[in-house]
Amino acid sequence: MEFQSVNKLYERSFRENWDRPALSNYQGVTLHYRDVARRIAKMHIMYEKCGLVKGDKVAICSRNQANWGVAFISALTYGAVPVPILHEFKAGNVHHLVNHSEAKILFVDDVVWEGLSENEMPNLQAVVQINTFHLLFAKTKLITEVREHLNELFGKKYPMNFTPDSIDYYEDKPDELALINYTSGTSGFSKGVMIPYRALWSNIFFARKVLPMLNSTSNVVAMLPSAHMYGMMFEVLFELSIGAHVHFLTRVPSPKIIMQALSEVKPNIVIAVPLIIEKVYKSKLKPVLEKNGIKFLMKLPVLDHVIMKKIRT
């Protein structure tokens, strides 16, 4: 299939799913597509007023949460290059990756920011608290003033209200740099991978082809780190392109929390890695299956199917 602009896919998805839920913090706030689009528009105003140009890097280092998706998509649809960084990295590694990627803006949560220093990242123009989008650091007075008057600037740009037709995202090209993704750094400092838009498009197209049952009414629980390419691609980016609802686990995905979230959200698909599946099996399913009564019933030809059906539900 011929390449289509990834950002224009999001533009279309946001318009068509304006009133549908888009991003949620599990047991917390829910942002509809209109809310996400509005926050993105405000970030675009801030980027423009602060002198951010197409191709500039925007680093994101925080736990999974709804505003992680907002920050990432805001950079992407502006034409900037998002740089997701694992929040578990030590401060020295985060400093190194921000500098190595030449990031101009850093989105970060309070826990990560406690160990960082703007003096170790001299190229940064601003550090943004990702939960509130308030400034933690600004290199110039202009940036501070823009943030203080952001709502006013938003009102001036969209005097007749912000509507689906107000959305106009950067039109990307196939070989253009979309994002920089860093490895987990098991053999020293992380290595960066430069990912073009055609890679994002091909993965979105692949997911649409093999998962045709997923659509704008679908739910997914995002339990993998969004800074990892697998979780980012198939728990966030693909879902937003089809108007689905992403529920972020904002805490460490323990078996108890995972099972609780799956029970409450009832996702249409579960994206996981073997380690997570193994933890859930050992802590939740195995103890039940190893009970004497259950072991006996599982040997009976009819009841075994009944029990397995009960486990699945």
Protein backbone atom coordinates (compact mmCIF):
# COMPACT_ATOMS: atom_id res chain seq x y z
CA MET A 1 0.00 0.00 0.00
CA GLU A 2 1.25 3.47 -0.86
CA PHE A 3 2.66 5.53 2.00
CA GLN A 4 0.33 8.01 3.68
CA SER A 5 1.38 10.78 6.03
CA VAL A 6 1.38 9.42 9.59
CA ASN A 7 0.50 12.81 11.07
CA LYS A 8 -2.41 13.18 8.67
CA LEU A 9 -3.66 9.79 9.90
CA TYR A 10 -3.78 11.25 13.41
CA GLU A 11 -5.40 14.41 12.11
CA ARG A 12 -8.18 12.34 10.52
CA SER A 13 -8.54 10.08 13.56
CA PHE A 14 -8.85 13.01 15.97
CA ARG A 15 -11.48 14.66 13.79
CA GLU A 16 -13.55 11.50 13.33
CA ASN A 17 -13.36 10.47 17.01
CA TRP A 18 -13.68 13.93 18.54
CA ASP A 19 -16.09 12.91 21.30
CA ARG A 20 -14.65 9.47 22.02
CA PRO A 21 -12.27 8.67 24.91
CA ALA A 22 -8.63 8.58 23.82
CA LEU A 23 -6.19 8.37 26.74
CA SER A 24 -6.86 7.41 30.36
CA ASN A 25 -4.79 6.97 33.47
CA TYR A 26 -6.10 3.73 34.95
CA GLN A 27 -8.49 4.68 37.77
CA GLY A 28 -7.75 8.32 36.99
CA VAL A 29 -8.38 11.06 34.45
CA THR A 30 -9.72 10.37 30.94
CA LEU A 31 -8.91 12.59 27.97
CA HIS A 32 -11.20 12.50 24.94
CA TYR A 33 -9.78 13.01 21.48
CA ARG A 34 -10.96 16.63 21.60
CA ASP A 35 -9.03 17.13 24.87
CA VAL A 36 -5.87 15.60 23.42
CA ALA A 37 -6.18 17.74 20.29
CA ARG A 38 -6.63 20.88 22.40
CA ARG A 39 -3.55 20.13 24.52
CA ILE A 40 -1.54 19.38 21.40
CA ALA A 41 -2.62 22.71 19.89
CA LYS A 42 -1.43 24.54 23.01
CA MET A 43 1.91 22.74 22.89
CA HIS A 44 2.28 23.70 19.22
CA ILE A 45 1.78 27.37 20.14
CA MET A 46 4.42 27.06 22.85
CA TYR A 47 6.85 25.31 20.47
CA GLU A 48 6.39 28.00 17.84
CA LYS A 49 6.73 30.95 20.22
CA CYS A 50 9.84 29.40 21.78
CA GLY A 51 11.53 29.05 18.40
CA LEU A 52 11.29 25.28 18.00
CA VAL A 53 11.62 24.36 14.31
CA LYS A 54 10.90 21.24 12.31
CA GLY A 55 13.43 18.54 13.11
CA ASP A 56 14.27 19.83 16.60
CA LYS A 57 14.28 17.16 19.31
CA VAL A 58 11.81 16.88 22.19
CA ALA A 59 12.75 14.41 24.93
CA ILE A 60 10.15 12.67 27.12
CA CYS A 61 11.12 10.90 30.35
CA SER A 62 8.30 9.82 32.65
CA ARG A 63 6.18 6.90 33.77
CA ASN A 64 3.36 5.77 31.49
CA GLN A 65 0.47 8.21 31.63
CA ALA A 66 -2.04 10.00 29.42
CA ASN A 67 0.11 13.13 29.09
CA TRP A 68 2.99 10.99 27.85
CA GLY A 69 0.86 10.36 24.77
CA VAL A 70 -0.01 14.06 24.51
CA ALA A 71 3.65 15.11 24.70
CA PHE A 72 4.76 12.51 22.15
CA ILE A 73 2.03 13.23 19.59
CA SER A 74 2.42 16.99 20.07
CA ALA A 75 6.08 16.78 19.07
CA LEU A 76 5.43 14.38 16.19
CA THR A 77 2.55 16.36 14.67
CA TYR A 78 4.51 19.61 14.94
CA GLY A 79 7.28 18.15 12.82
CA ALA A 80 9.69 17.91 15.74
CA VAL A 81 11.39 14.63 16.66
CA PRO A 82 10.22 13.00 19.90
CA VAL A 83 12.91 11.23 21.93
CA PRO A 84 11.35 8.85 24.50
CA ILE A 85 13.66 7.96 27.40
CA LEU A 86 13.03 5.22 29.96
CA HIS A 87 12.21 6.77 33.33
CA GLU A 88 14.13 3.99 35.14
CA PHE A 89 17.44 5.24 33.73
CA LYS A 90 19.92 6.73 36.17
CA ALA A 91 20.34 10.49 36.13
CA GLY A 92 23.71 10.31 34.38
CA ASN A 93 22.22 8.27 31.56
CA VAL A 94 19.27 10.63 31.16
CA HIS A 95 21.64 13.62 31.03
CA HIS A 96 23.71 11.81 28.40
CA LEU A 97 20.71 10.92 26.21
CA VAL A 98 19.21 14.40 26.36
CA ASN A 99 22.57 15.85 25.32
CA HIS A 100 23.31 13.15 22.74
CA SER A 101 19.95 13.66 21.04
CA GLU A 102 20.42 17.46 21.15
CA ALA A 103 16.96 17.85 22.69
CA LYS A 104 15.65 21.41 23.04
CA ILE A 105 12.73 20.56 25.35
CA LEU A 106 12.38 17.88 28.04
CA PHE A 107 9.06 16.59 29.39
CA VAL A 108 9.61 14.94 32.77
CA ASP A 109 7.74 13.90 35.91
CA ASP A 110 8.67 15.02 39.43
CA VAL A 111 10.27 11.72 40.46
CA VAL A 112 12.68 11.77 37.53
CA TRP A 113 13.37 15.51 37.82
CA GLU A 114 14.50 15.17 41.44
CA GLY A 115 17.70 13.50 40.27
CA LEU A 116 18.38 15.73 37.26
CA SER A 117 20.06 19.09 36.81
CA GLU A 118 19.50 21.58 34.00
CA ASN A 119 23.19 22.50 34.29
CA GLU A 120 24.08 19.02 33.00
CA MET A 121 21.90 19.57 29.91
CA PRO A 122 23.08 22.94 28.53
CA ASN A 123 21.22 22.72 25.20
CA LEU A 124 17.79 22.53 26.82
CA GLN A 125 15.57 25.56 26.33
CA ALA A 126 12.86 24.34 28.69
CA VAL A 127 11.91 21.53 31.06
CA VAL A 128 8.17 20.84 31.30
CA GLN A 129 6.42 19.02 34.16
CA ILE A 130 4.46 16.42 32.22
CA ASN A 131 1.56 16.05 34.67
CA THR A 132 0.62 19.74 34.58
CA PHE A 133 2.66 21.12 31.64
CA HIS A 134 4.06 23.79 33.98
CA LEU A 135 7.66 24.88 33.51
CA LEU A 136 10.34 23.45 35.77
CA PHE A 137 13.07 25.35 33.95
CA ALA A 138 13.15 28.00 31.22
CA LYS A 139 16.32 29.35 29.65
CA THR A 140 14.75 32.66 28.63
CA LYS A 141 12.13 35.05 30.00
CA LEU A 142 10.22 34.73 26.72
CA ILE A 143 9.56 31.03 27.33
CA THR A 144 8.24 31.80 30.83
CA GLU A 145 5.96 34.53 29.47
CA VAL A 146 4.64 32.29 26.70
CA ARG A 147 3.73 29.59 29.21
CA GLU A 148 2.08 32.10 31.55
CA HIS A 149 -0.09 33.46 28.72
CA LEU A 150 -0.62 30.19 26.84
CA ASN A 151 -4.40 30.10 27.33
CA GLU A 152 -4.63 33.70 26.12
CA LEU A 153 -2.52 32.90 23.05
CA PHE A 154 -4.69 29.85 22.38
CA GLY A 155 -7.84 32.00 22.51
CA LYS A 156 -6.35 34.51 20.07
CA LYS A 157 -5.37 31.80 17.59
CA TYR A 158 -8.79 30.13 17.77
CA PRO A 159 -11.25 33.00 18.47
CA MET A 160 -14.23 31.04 17.10
CA ASN A 161 -13.54 28.02 19.36
CA PHE A 162 -11.33 25.02 18.73
CA THR A 163 -13.14 22.54 16.46
CA PRO A 164 -12.21 19.39 14.51
CA ASP A 165 -11.57 21.59 11.46
CA SER A 166 -8.97 23.54 13.47
CA ILE A 167 -6.61 20.56 13.40
CA ASP A 168 -3.85 20.88 10.80
CA TYR A 169 -0.85 18.67 11.46
CA TYR A 170 2.55 18.62 9.80
CA GLU A 171 2.59 16.44 6.67
CA ASP A 172 5.52 14.06 6.94
CA LYS A 173 7.42 12.25 4.20
CA PRO A 174 8.44 8.54 4.18
CA ASP A 175 12.20 8.93 4.70
CA GLU A 176 11.95 11.84 7.11
CA LEU A 177 13.14 11.24 10.69
CA ALA A 178 10.12 10.55 12.93
CA LEU A 179 11.70 9.72 16.29
CA ILE A 180 14.86 8.59 18.04
CA ASN A 181 14.53 5.50 20.22
CA TYR A 182 17.26 4.43 22.63
CA THR A 183 18.06 0.89 23.73
CA SER A 184 17.99 -0.04 27.41
CA GLY A 185 21.78 0.19 27.58
CA THR A 186 22.62 -3.26 28.95
CA SER A 187 26.16 -3.02 27.57
CA GLY A 188 26.92 0.54 28.64
CA PHE A 189 25.32 3.78 27.47
CA SER A 190 22.19 3.39 25.35
CA LYS A 191 22.45 3.36 21.57
CA GLY A 192 20.08 5.54 19.55
CA VAL A 193 18.02 4.27 16.62
CA MET A 194 16.81 6.81 14.06
CA ILE A 195 13.33 5.75 12.95
CA PRO A 196 11.78 7.24 9.78
CA TYR A 197 8.09 7.84 9.20
CA ARG A 198 7.87 4.94 6.75
CA ALA A 199 8.66 2.58 9.63
CA LEU A 200 5.77 3.98 11.69
CA TRP A 201 3.46 3.82 8.69
CA SER A 202 4.36 0.22 7.82
CA ASN A 203 3.74 -0.91 11.41
CA ILE A 204 0.41 0.90 11.59
CA PHE A 205 -0.61 -0.63 8.26
CA PHE A 206 0.55 -4.08 9.44
CA ALA A 207 -1.48 -3.80 12.66
CA ARG A 208 -4.58 -2.68 10.77
CA LYS A 209 -4.24 -5.66 8.45
CA VAL A 210 -3.72 -8.37 11.10
CA LEU A 211 -6.05 -6.84 13.71
CA PRO A 212 -9.11 -5.80 11.66
CA MET A 213 -11.38 -6.39 14.67
CA LEU A 214 -9.91 -3.36 16.47
CA ASN A 215 -11.62 -0.03 15.85
CA SER A 216 -12.79 3.16 17.53
CA THR A 217 -14.82 1.19 20.09
CA SER A 218 -11.83 -0.88 21.22
CA ASN A 219 -9.95 -0.67 24.54
CA VAL A 220 -6.34 -1.53 25.32
CA VAL A 221 -4.40 -1.56 28.58
CA ALA A 222 -0.92 -0.04 28.11
CA MET A 223 1.29 -1.96 30.54
CA LEU A 224 4.60 -2.00 28.62
CA PRO A 225 6.98 0.98 28.87
CA SER A 226 5.87 3.53 26.28
CA ALA A 227 9.51 4.51 25.80
CA HIS A 228 10.11 1.03 24.35
CA MET A 229 9.29 0.72 20.66
CA TYR A 230 7.01 -2.32 21.06
CA GLY A 231 4.76 -0.75 23.68
CA MET A 232 4.85 2.64 22.00
CA MET A 233 3.90 1.28 18.59
CA PHE A 234 1.23 -1.26 19.46
CA GLU A 235 -0.25 0.11 22.69
CA VAL A 236 -0.32 3.80 21.81
CA LEU A 237 0.50 4.93 18.26
CA PHE A 238 -1.55 2.31 16.41
CA GLU A 239 -4.53 2.73 18.74
CA LEU A 240 -4.63 6.50 18.35
CA SER A 241 -4.62 6.11 14.57
CA ILE A 242 -7.88 4.11 14.68
CA GLY A 243 -9.64 6.06 17.43
CA ALA A 244 -9.29 3.40 20.13
CA HIS A 245 -9.13 4.05 23.89
CA VAL A 246 -5.75 3.57 25.63
CA HIS A 247 -5.73 2.94 29.40
CA PHE A 248 -2.26 3.57 30.90
CA LEU A 249 -1.13 1.65 33.96
CA THR A 250 0.58 4.49 35.81
CA ARG A 251 2.06 2.21 38.48
CA VAL A 252 4.46 -0.74 38.31
CA PRO A 253 2.50 -3.47 36.45
CA SER A 254 2.40 -6.10 39.20
CA PRO A 255 0.31 -9.24 38.52
CA LYS A 256 -2.37 -7.99 40.93
CA ILE A 257 -2.71 -4.61 39.21
CA ILE A 258 -2.62 -6.18 35.75
CA MET A 259 -5.39 -8.67 36.55
CA GLN A 260 -7.48 -5.95 38.18
CA ALA A 261 -7.08 -3.63 35.19
CA LEU A 262 -7.88 -6.38 32.68
CA SER A 263 -11.00 -7.28 34.66
CA GLU A 264 -12.25 -3.68 34.84
CA VAL A 265 -11.22 -2.38 31.40
CA LYS A 266 -11.95 -5.61 29.49
CA PRO A 267 -9.49 -4.80 26.68
CA ASN A 268 -10.09 -6.13 23.19
CA ILE A 269 -6.44 -7.15 22.96
CA VAL A 270 -3.58 -7.59 25.42
CA ILE A 271 -0.08 -6.62 24.31
CA ALA A 272 2.52 -8.20 26.59
CA VAL A 273 5.96 -9.78 26.77
CA PRO A 274 6.72 -13.31 28.07
CA LEU A 275 7.99 -12.05 31.44
CA ILE A 276 4.67 -10.37 32.26
CA ILE A 277 2.65 -13.40 31.15
CA GLU A 278 4.87 -15.66 33.26
CA LYS A 279 4.43 -13.46 36.35
CA VAL A 280 0.64 -13.44 35.97
CA TYR A 281 0.54 -17.20 35.42
CA LYS A 282 2.74 -18.04 38.42
CA SER A 283 1.05 -15.67 40.86
CA LYS A 284 -2.60 -15.91 39.79
CA LEU A 285 -3.35 -18.95 37.63
CA LYS A 286 -0.91 -21.63 38.73
CA PRO A 287 -2.00 -21.62 42.42
CA VAL A 288 -5.61 -22.18 41.33
CA LEU A 289 -4.81 -24.91 38.82
CA GLU A 290 -2.66 -26.80 41.33
CA LYS A 291 -5.40 -27.18 43.94
CA ASN A 292 -6.25 -30.86 44.39
CA GLY A 293 -9.91 -30.49 43.50
CA ILE A 294 -9.17 -28.46 40.37
CA LYS A 295 -6.44 -30.88 39.25
CA PHE A 296 -8.93 -33.75 39.47
CA LEU A 297 -11.69 -31.86 37.62
CA MET A 298 -9.26 -30.84 34.86
CA LYS A 299 -8.84 -34.52 34.02
CA LEU A 300 -12.55 -34.92 33.27
CA PRO A 301 -13.32 -34.45 29.54
CA VAL A 302 -16.30 -32.10 29.90
CA LEU A 303 -15.49 -30.17 33.06
CA ASP A 304 -11.99 -29.23 31.89
CA HIS A 305 -13.49 -27.06 29.15
CA VAL A 306 -15.90 -25.46 31.63
CA ILE A 307 -13.06 -24.63 34.04
CA MET A 308 -10.82 -23.21 31.31
CA LYS A 309 -13.70 -21.07 30.03
CA LYS A 310 -14.21 -19.74 33.56
CA ILE A 311 -10.49 -18.92 33.86
CA ARG A 312 -10.53 -17.03 30.54
CA THR A 313 -13.44 -14.87 31.64
